[in-house]
All heavy atoms as atom14 arrays in JSON, in Angstrom:
{
  "sequence": "TVLALEMLVGAPPVLVLVTVGVTAATSTVYEPA",
  "atom14_mask": [
    [1, 1, 1, 1, 1, 1, 1, 0, 0, 0, 0, 0, 0, 0],
    [1, 1, 1, 1, 1, 1, 1, 0, 0, 0, 0, 0, 0, 0],
    [1, 1, 1, 1, 1, 1, 1, 1, 0, 0, 0, 0, 0, 0],
    [1, 1, 1, 1, 1, 0, 0, 0, 0, 0, 0, 0, 0, 0],
    [1, 1, 1, 1, 1, 1, 1, 1, 0, 0, 0, 0, 0, 0],
    [1, 1, 1, 1, 1, 1, 1, 1, 1, 0, 0, 0, 0, 0],
    [1, 1, 1, 1, 1, 1, 1, 1, 0, 0, 0, 0, 0, 0],
    [1, 1, 1, 1, 1, 1, 1, 1, 0, 0, 0, 0, 0, 0],
    [1, 1, 1, 1, 1, 1, 1, 0, 0, 0, 0, 0, 0, 0],
    [1, 1, 1, 1, 0, 0, 0, 0, 0, 0, 0, 0, 0, 0],
    [1, 1, 1, 1, 1, 0, 0, 0, 0, 0, 0, 0, 0, 0],
    [1, 1, 1, 1, 1, 1, 1, 0, 0, 0, 0, 0, 0, 0],
    [1, 1, 1, 1, 1, 1, 1, 0, 0, 0, 0, 0, 0, 0],
    [1, 1, 1, 1, 1, 1, 1, 0, 0, 0, 0, 0, 0, 0],
    [1, 1, 1, 1, 1, 1, 1, 1, 0, 0, 0, 0, 0, 0],
    [1, 1, 1, 1, 1, 1, 1, 0, 0, 0, 0, 0, 0, 0],
    [1, 1, 1, 1, 1, 1, 1, 1, 0, 0, 0, 0, 0, 0],
    [1, 1, 1, 1, 1, 1, 1, 0, 0, 0, 0, 0, 0, 0],
    [1, 1, 1, 1, 1, 1, 1, 0, 0, 0, 0, 0, 0, 0],
    [1, 1, 1, 1, 1, 1, 1, 0, 0, 0, 0, 0, 0, 0],
    [1, 1, 1, 1, 0, 0, 0, 0, 0, 0, 0, 0, 0, 0],
    [1, 1, 1, 1, 1, 1, 1, 0, 0, 0, 0, 0, 0, 0],
    [1, 1, 1, 1, 1, 1, 1, 0, 0, 0, 0, 0, 0, 0],
    [1, 1, 1, 1, 1, 0, 0, 0, 0, 0, 0, 0, 0, 0],
    [1, 1, 1, 1, 1, 0, 0, 0, 0, 0, 0, 0, 0, 0],
    [1, 1, 1, 1, 1, 1, 1, 0, 0, 0, 0, 0, 0, 0],
    [1, 1, 1, 1, 1, 1, 0, 0, 0, 0, 0, 0, 0, 0],
    [1, 1, 1, 1, 1, 1, 1, 0, 0, 0, 0, 0, 0, 0],
    [1, 1, 1, 1, 1, 1, 1, 0, 0, 0, 0, 0, 0, 0],
    [1, 1, 1, 1, 1, 1, 1, 1, 1, 1, 1, 1, 0, 0],
    [1, 1, 1, 1, 1, 1, 1, 1, 1, 0, 0, 0, 0, 0],
    [1, 1, 1, 1, 1, 1, 1, 0, 0, 0, 0, 0, 0, 0],
    [1, 1, 1, 1, 1, 0, 0, 0, 0, 0, 0, 0, 0, 0]
  ],
  "atom14_positions": [
    [[28.21, -39.44, -15.78], [28.92, -39.3, -14.46], [30.4, -39.83, -14.58], [31.32, -39.2, -14.09], [28.17, -40.17, -13.39], [26.89, -39.74, -13.3], [28.91, -40.14, -12.08], [0.0, 0.0, 0.0], [0.0, 0.0, 0.0], [0.0, 0.0, 0.0], [0.0, 0.0, 0.0], [0.0, 0.0, 0.0], [0.0, 0.0, 0.0], [0.0, 0.0, 0.0]],
    [[30.55, -40.98, -15.31], [31.89, -41.54, -15.58], [32.72, -40.48, -16.32], [33.92, -40.15, -16.02], [31.85, -42.76, -16.33], [33.25, -43.24, -16.81], [31.23, -43.89, -15.46], [0.0, 0.0, 0.0], [0.0, 0.0, 0.0], [0.0, 0.0, 0.0], [0.0, 0.0, 0.0], [0.0, 0.0, 0.0], [0.0, 0.0, 0.0], [0.0, 0.0, 0.0]],
    [[32.11, -39.79, -17.39], [32.86, -38.81, -18.18], [33.28, -37.68, -17.37], [34.36, -37.14, -17.44], [31.94, -38.47, -19.36], [32.56, -37.46, -20.36], [33.72, -38.13, -21.05], [31.53, -37.1, -21.46], [0.0, 0.0, 0.0], [0.0, 0.0, 0.0], [0.0, 0.0, 0.0], [0.0, 0.0, 0.0], [0.0, 0.0, 0.0], [0.0, 0.0, 0.0]],
    [[32.36, -37.18, -16.39], [32.71, -36.04, -15.55], [33.85, -36.4, -14.65], [34.76, -35.54, -14.52], [31.43, -35.75, -14.72], [0.0, 0.0, 0.0], [0.0, 0.0, 0.0], [0.0, 0.0, 0.0], [0.0, 0.0, 0.0], [0.0, 0.0, 0.0], [0.0, 0.0, 0.0], [0.0, 0.0, 0.0], [0.0, 0.0, 0.0], [0.0, 0.0, 0.0]],
    [[33.88, -37.61, -14.14], [35.06, -38.04, -13.36], [36.29, -38.09, -14.11], [37.35, -37.79, -13.63], [34.66, -39.38, -12.66], [33.54, -39.33, -11.57], [33.23, -40.76, -11.12], [33.88, -38.43, -10.47], [0.0, 0.0, 0.0], [0.0, 0.0, 0.0], [0.0, 0.0, 0.0], [0.0, 0.0, 0.0], [0.0, 0.0, 0.0], [0.0, 0.0, 0.0]],
    [[36.25, -38.58, -15.38], [37.38, -38.58, -16.2], [37.99, -37.2, -16.45], [39.2, -37.04, -16.39], [37.1, -39.24, -17.54], [36.77, -40.77, -17.46], [36.27, -41.35, -18.73], [35.94, -40.58, -19.73], [36.21, -42.57, -18.85], [0.0, 0.0, 0.0], [0.0, 0.0, 0.0], [0.0, 0.0, 0.0], [0.0, 0.0, 0.0], [0.0, 0.0, 0.0]],
    [[37.09, -36.28, -16.64], [37.58, -34.94, -16.82], [38.09, -34.32, -15.53], [39.14, -33.64, -15.6], [36.33, -33.98, -17.27], [35.85, -34.25, -18.64], [34.49, -33.16, -19.09], [34.25, -33.5, -20.84], [0.0, 0.0, 0.0], [0.0, 0.0, 0.0], [0.0, 0.0, 0.0], [0.0, 0.0, 0.0], [0.0, 0.0, 0.0], [0.0, 0.0, 0.0]],
    [[37.49, -34.6, -14.44], [38.02, -34.11, -13.16], [39.36, -34.57, -12.86], [40.19, -33.87, -12.36], [37.03, -34.61, -11.98], [37.42, -34.25, -10.56], [37.54, -32.81, -10.35], [36.48, -34.97, -9.53], [0.0, 0.0, 0.0], [0.0, 0.0, 0.0], [0.0, 0.0, 0.0], [0.0, 0.0, 0.0], [0.0, 0.0, 0.0], [0.0, 0.0, 0.0]],
    [[39.67, -35.86, -13.07], [41.02, -36.43, -12.78], [42.02, -36.19, -13.88], [43.18, -36.67, -13.75], [40.9, -37.88, -12.38], [39.97, -38.13, -11.23], [40.43, -38.75, -13.62], [0.0, 0.0, 0.0], [0.0, 0.0, 0.0], [0.0, 0.0, 0.0], [0.0, 0.0, 0.0], [0.0, 0.0, 0.0], [0.0, 0.0, 0.0], [0.0, 0.0, 0.0]],
    [[41.61, -35.61, -15.04], [42.51, -35.41, -16.08], [42.85, -36.66, -16.85], [44.12, -36.87, -17.23], [0.0, 0.0, 0.0], [0.0, 0.0, 0.0], [0.0, 0.0, 0.0], [0.0, 0.0, 0.0], [0.0, 0.0, 0.0], [0.0, 0.0, 0.0], [0.0, 0.0, 0.0], [0.0, 0.0, 0.0], [0.0, 0.0, 0.0], [0.0, 0.0, 0.0]],
    [[41.9, -37.53, -17.15], [42.11, -38.72, -17.86], [42.67, -38.42, -19.28], [42.41, -37.26, -19.83], [40.88, -39.61, -17.94], [0.0, 0.0, 0.0], [0.0, 0.0, 0.0], [0.0, 0.0, 0.0], [0.0, 0.0, 0.0], [0.0, 0.0, 0.0], [0.0, 0.0, 0.0], [0.0, 0.0, 0.0], [0.0, 0.0, 0.0], [0.0, 0.0, 0.0]],
    [[43.34, -39.37, -19.89], [43.86, -39.13, -21.27], [42.6, -38.86, -22.24], [41.54, -39.36, -22.12], [44.42, -40.45, -21.66], [44.82, -41.11, -20.35], [43.7, -40.71, -19.44], [0.0, 0.0, 0.0], [0.0, 0.0, 0.0], [0.0, 0.0, 0.0], [0.0, 0.0, 0.0], [0.0, 0.0, 0.0], [0.0, 0.0, 0.0], [0.0, 0.0, 0.0]],
    [[42.77, -37.89, -23.1], [41.74, -37.48, -24.06], [41.16, -38.66, -24.85], [40.0, -38.66, -25.08], [42.36, -36.46, -24.97], [43.45, -35.9, -24.11], [43.96, -36.97, -23.26], [0.0, 0.0, 0.0], [0.0, 0.0, 0.0], [0.0, 0.0, 0.0], [0.0, 0.0, 0.0], [0.0, 0.0, 0.0], [0.0, 0.0, 0.0], [0.0, 0.0, 0.0]],
    [[41.97, -39.62, -25.24], [41.48, -40.74, -25.95], [40.44, -41.59, -25.15], [39.47, -42.02, -25.71], [42.64, -41.62, -26.46], [43.36, -42.28, -25.28], [42.11, -42.67, -27.48], [0.0, 0.0, 0.0], [0.0, 0.0, 0.0], [0.0, 0.0, 0.0], [0.0, 0.0, 0.0], [0.0, 0.0, 0.0], [0.0, 0.0, 0.0], [0.0, 0.0, 0.0]],
    [[40.71, -41.66, -23.87], [39.8, -42.37, -23.04], [38.41, -41.58, -22.85], [37.32, -42.16, -22.93], [40.35, -42.51, -21.56], [39.46, -43.31, -20.6], [39.11, -44.72, -21.04], [40.19, -43.39, -19.23], [0.0, 0.0, 0.0], [0.0, 0.0, 0.0], [0.0, 0.0, 0.0], [0.0, 0.0, 0.0], [0.0, 0.0, 0.0], [0.0, 0.0, 0.0]],
    [[38.53, -40.26, -22.83], [37.32, -39.44, -22.74], [36.52, -39.63, -24.0], [35.33, -39.78, -23.97], [37.67, -37.97, -22.57], [36.55, -36.99, -22.81], [38.29, -37.7, -21.16], [0.0, 0.0, 0.0], [0.0, 0.0, 0.0], [0.0, 0.0, 0.0], [0.0, 0.0, 0.0], [0.0, 0.0, 0.0], [0.0, 0.0, 0.0], [0.0, 0.0, 0.0]],
    [[37.2, -39.68, -25.14], [36.48, -39.85, -26.48], [35.88, -41.22, -26.6], [34.85, -41.34, -27.25], [37.4, -39.55, -27.63], [37.96, -38.04, -27.78], [38.71, -37.78, -28.99], [36.76, -37.06, -27.59], [0.0, 0.0, 0.0], [0.0, 0.0, 0.0], [0.0, 0.0, 0.0], [0.0, 0.0, 0.0], [0.0, 0.0, 0.0], [0.0, 0.0, 0.0]],
    [[36.54, -42.19, -25.99], [35.78, -43.55, -25.99], [34.46, -43.49, -25.27], [33.5, -43.98, -25.7], [36.79, -44.57, -25.38], [36.02, -45.95, -25.11], [37.93, -44.87, -26.23], [0.0, 0.0, 0.0], [0.0, 0.0, 0.0], [0.0, 0.0, 0.0], [0.0, 0.0, 0.0], [0.0, 0.0, 0.0], [0.0, 0.0, 0.0], [0.0, 0.0, 0.0]],
    [[34.51, -42.83, -24.15], [33.2, -42.7, -23.34], [32.29, -41.84, -24.15], [31.06, -42.12, -24.18], [33.55, -41.99, -22.01], [34.56, -42.7, -21.26], [32.3, -41.93, -21.16], [0.0, 0.0, 0.0], [0.0, 0.0, 0.0], [0.0, 0.0, 0.0], [0.0, 0.0, 0.0], [0.0, 0.0, 0.0], [0.0, 0.0, 0.0], [0.0, 0.0, 0.0]],
    [[32.78, -40.8, -24.83], [31.89, -39.98, -25.68], [31.25, -40.9, -26.85], [30.02, -40.75, -27.08], [32.64, -38.86, -26.33], [31.92, -38.19, -27.45], [33.05, -37.78, -25.24], [0.0, 0.0, 0.0], [0.0, 0.0, 0.0], [0.0, 0.0, 0.0], [0.0, 0.0, 0.0], [0.0, 0.0, 0.0], [0.0, 0.0, 0.0], [0.0, 0.0, 0.0]],
    [[32.04, -41.77, -27.4], [31.51, -42.67, -28.43], [30.45, -43.64, -27.86], [29.45, -43.78, -28.59], [0.0, 0.0, 0.0], [0.0, 0.0, 0.0], [0.0, 0.0, 0.0], [0.0, 0.0, 0.0], [0.0, 0.0, 0.0], [0.0, 0.0, 0.0], [0.0, 0.0, 0.0], [0.0, 0.0, 0.0], [0.0, 0.0, 0.0], [0.0, 0.0, 0.0]],
    [[30.69, -44.12, -26.66], [29.67, -44.97, -26.04], [28.34, -44.29, -25.87], [27.26, -44.74, -26.15], [30.24, -45.53, -24.75], [29.04, -46.31, -23.95], [31.33, -46.48, -24.95], [0.0, 0.0, 0.0], [0.0, 0.0, 0.0], [0.0, 0.0, 0.0], [0.0, 0.0, 0.0], [0.0, 0.0, 0.0], [0.0, 0.0, 0.0], [0.0, 0.0, 0.0]],
    [[28.44, -43.01, -25.4], [27.14, -42.25, -25.1], [26.48, -41.84, -26.4], [25.29, -41.99, -26.52], [27.54, -40.97, -24.38], [28.34, -40.13, -25.11], [28.13, -41.27, -23.01], [0.0, 0.0, 0.0], [0.0, 0.0, 0.0], [0.0, 0.0, 0.0], [0.0, 0.0, 0.0], [0.0, 0.0, 0.0], [0.0, 0.0, 0.0], [0.0, 0.0, 0.0]],
    [[27.29, -41.64, -27.46], [26.67, -41.36, -28.76], [25.92, -42.54, -29.32], [24.88, -42.44, -29.87], [27.7, -40.89, -29.7], [0.0, 0.0, 0.0], [0.0, 0.0, 0.0], [0.0, 0.0, 0.0], [0.0, 0.0, 0.0], [0.0, 0.0, 0.0], [0.0, 0.0, 0.0], [0.0, 0.0, 0.0], [0.0, 0.0, 0.0], [0.0, 0.0, 0.0]],
    [[26.58, -43.73, -29.21], [25.95, -44.97, -29.7], [24.63, -45.2, -28.94], [23.62, -45.58, -29.54], [26.85, -46.15, -29.58], [0.0, 0.0, 0.0], [0.0, 0.0, 0.0], [0.0, 0.0, 0.0], [0.0, 0.0, 0.0], [0.0, 0.0, 0.0], [0.0, 0.0, 0.0], [0.0, 0.0, 0.0], [0.0, 0.0, 0.0], [0.0, 0.0, 0.0]],
    [[24.69, -45.01, -27.64], [23.54, -45.26, -26.76], [22.38, -44.34, -27.18], [21.17, -44.65, -27.18], [23.84, -45.12, -25.36], [24.87, -46.02, -25.03], [22.68, -45.45, -24.41], [0.0, 0.0, 0.0], [0.0, 0.0, 0.0], [0.0, 0.0, 0.0], [0.0, 0.0, 0.0], [0.0, 0.0, 0.0], [0.0, 0.0, 0.0], [0.0, 0.0, 0.0]],
    [[22.73, -43.04, -27.33], [21.7, -41.97, -27.65], [21.03, -42.33, -29.0], [19.9, -41.96, -29.24], [22.35, -40.63, -27.72], [22.94, -40.24, -26.47], [0.0, 0.0, 0.0], [0.0, 0.0, 0.0], [0.0, 0.0, 0.0], [0.0, 0.0, 0.0], [0.0, 0.0, 0.0], [0.0, 0.0, 0.0], [0.0, 0.0, 0.0], [0.0, 0.0, 0.0]],
    [[21.7, -42.98, -29.92], [21.24, -43.28, -31.19], [19.99, -44.24, -31.08], [19.11, -44.16, -31.89], [22.25, -43.91, -32.08], [23.35, -43.07, -32.15], [21.79, -44.21, -33.53], [0.0, 0.0, 0.0], [0.0, 0.0, 0.0], [0.0, 0.0, 0.0], [0.0, 0.0, 0.0], [0.0, 0.0, 0.0], [0.0, 0.0, 0.0], [0.0, 0.0, 0.0]],
    [[19.97, -45.1, -30.06], [18.88, -45.99, -29.9], [17.58, -45.18, -29.39], [16.49, -45.59, -29.7], [19.2, -47.05, -28.85], [18.11, -48.11, -28.63], [20.46, -47.77, -29.39], [0.0, 0.0, 0.0], [0.0, 0.0, 0.0], [0.0, 0.0, 0.0], [0.0, 0.0, 0.0], [0.0, 0.0, 0.0], [0.0, 0.0, 0.0], [0.0, 0.0, 0.0]],
    [[17.82, -44.14, -28.69], [16.8, -43.45, -28.01], [15.78, -42.74, -29.06], [14.58, -42.74, -28.89], [17.33, -42.32, -27.17], [16.35, -41.79, -26.03], [16.35, -42.23, -24.78], [15.39, -40.81, -26.42], [15.53, -41.77, -23.86], [14.53, -40.3, -25.43], [14.64, -40.76, -24.17], [13.77, -40.31, -23.29], [0.0, 0.0, 0.0], [0.0, 0.0, 0.0]],
    [[16.39, -42.16, -30.12], [15.63, -41.31, -31.11], [14.57, -42.18, -31.83], [13.41, -41.68, -31.81], [16.59, -40.63, -32.1], [15.89, -39.64, -33.0], [15.17, -38.58, -32.22], [15.62, -38.19, -31.14], [14.14, -37.98, -32.78], [0.0, 0.0, 0.0], [0.0, 0.0, 0.0], [0.0, 0.0, 0.0], [0.0, 0.0, 0.0], [0.0, 0.0, 0.0]],
    [[14.9, -43.29, -32.45], [13.79, -44.04, -33.1], [12.75, -44.52, -32.12], [11.59, -44.61, -32.43], [14.53, -45.2, -33.77], [15.83, -45.32, -33.09], [16.14, -43.92, -32.69], [0.0, 0.0, 0.0], [0.0, 0.0, 0.0], [0.0, 0.0, 0.0], [0.0, 0.0, 0.0], [0.0, 0.0, 0.0], [0.0, 0.0, 0.0], [0.0, 0.0, 0.0]],
    [[13.16, -44.97, -30.91], [12.16, -45.34, -29.89], [11.18, -44.15, -29.57], [10.04, -44.4, -29.47], [12.92, -45.77, -28.64], [0.0, 0.0, 0.0], [0.0, 0.0, 0.0], [0.0, 0.0, 0.0], [0.0, 0.0, 0.0], [0.0, 0.0, 0.0], [0.0, 0.0, 0.0], [0.0, 0.0, 0.0], [0.0, 0.0, 0.0], [0.0, 0.0, 0.0]]
  ]
}
């Protein structure tokens, strides 16, 4: 939801990629579980 809002308001790409990195790290926990 945060990432969608960042895209909507045209946030800096680097900020978008930080959010992408956070979601990637979180998803990594899901798979072994």
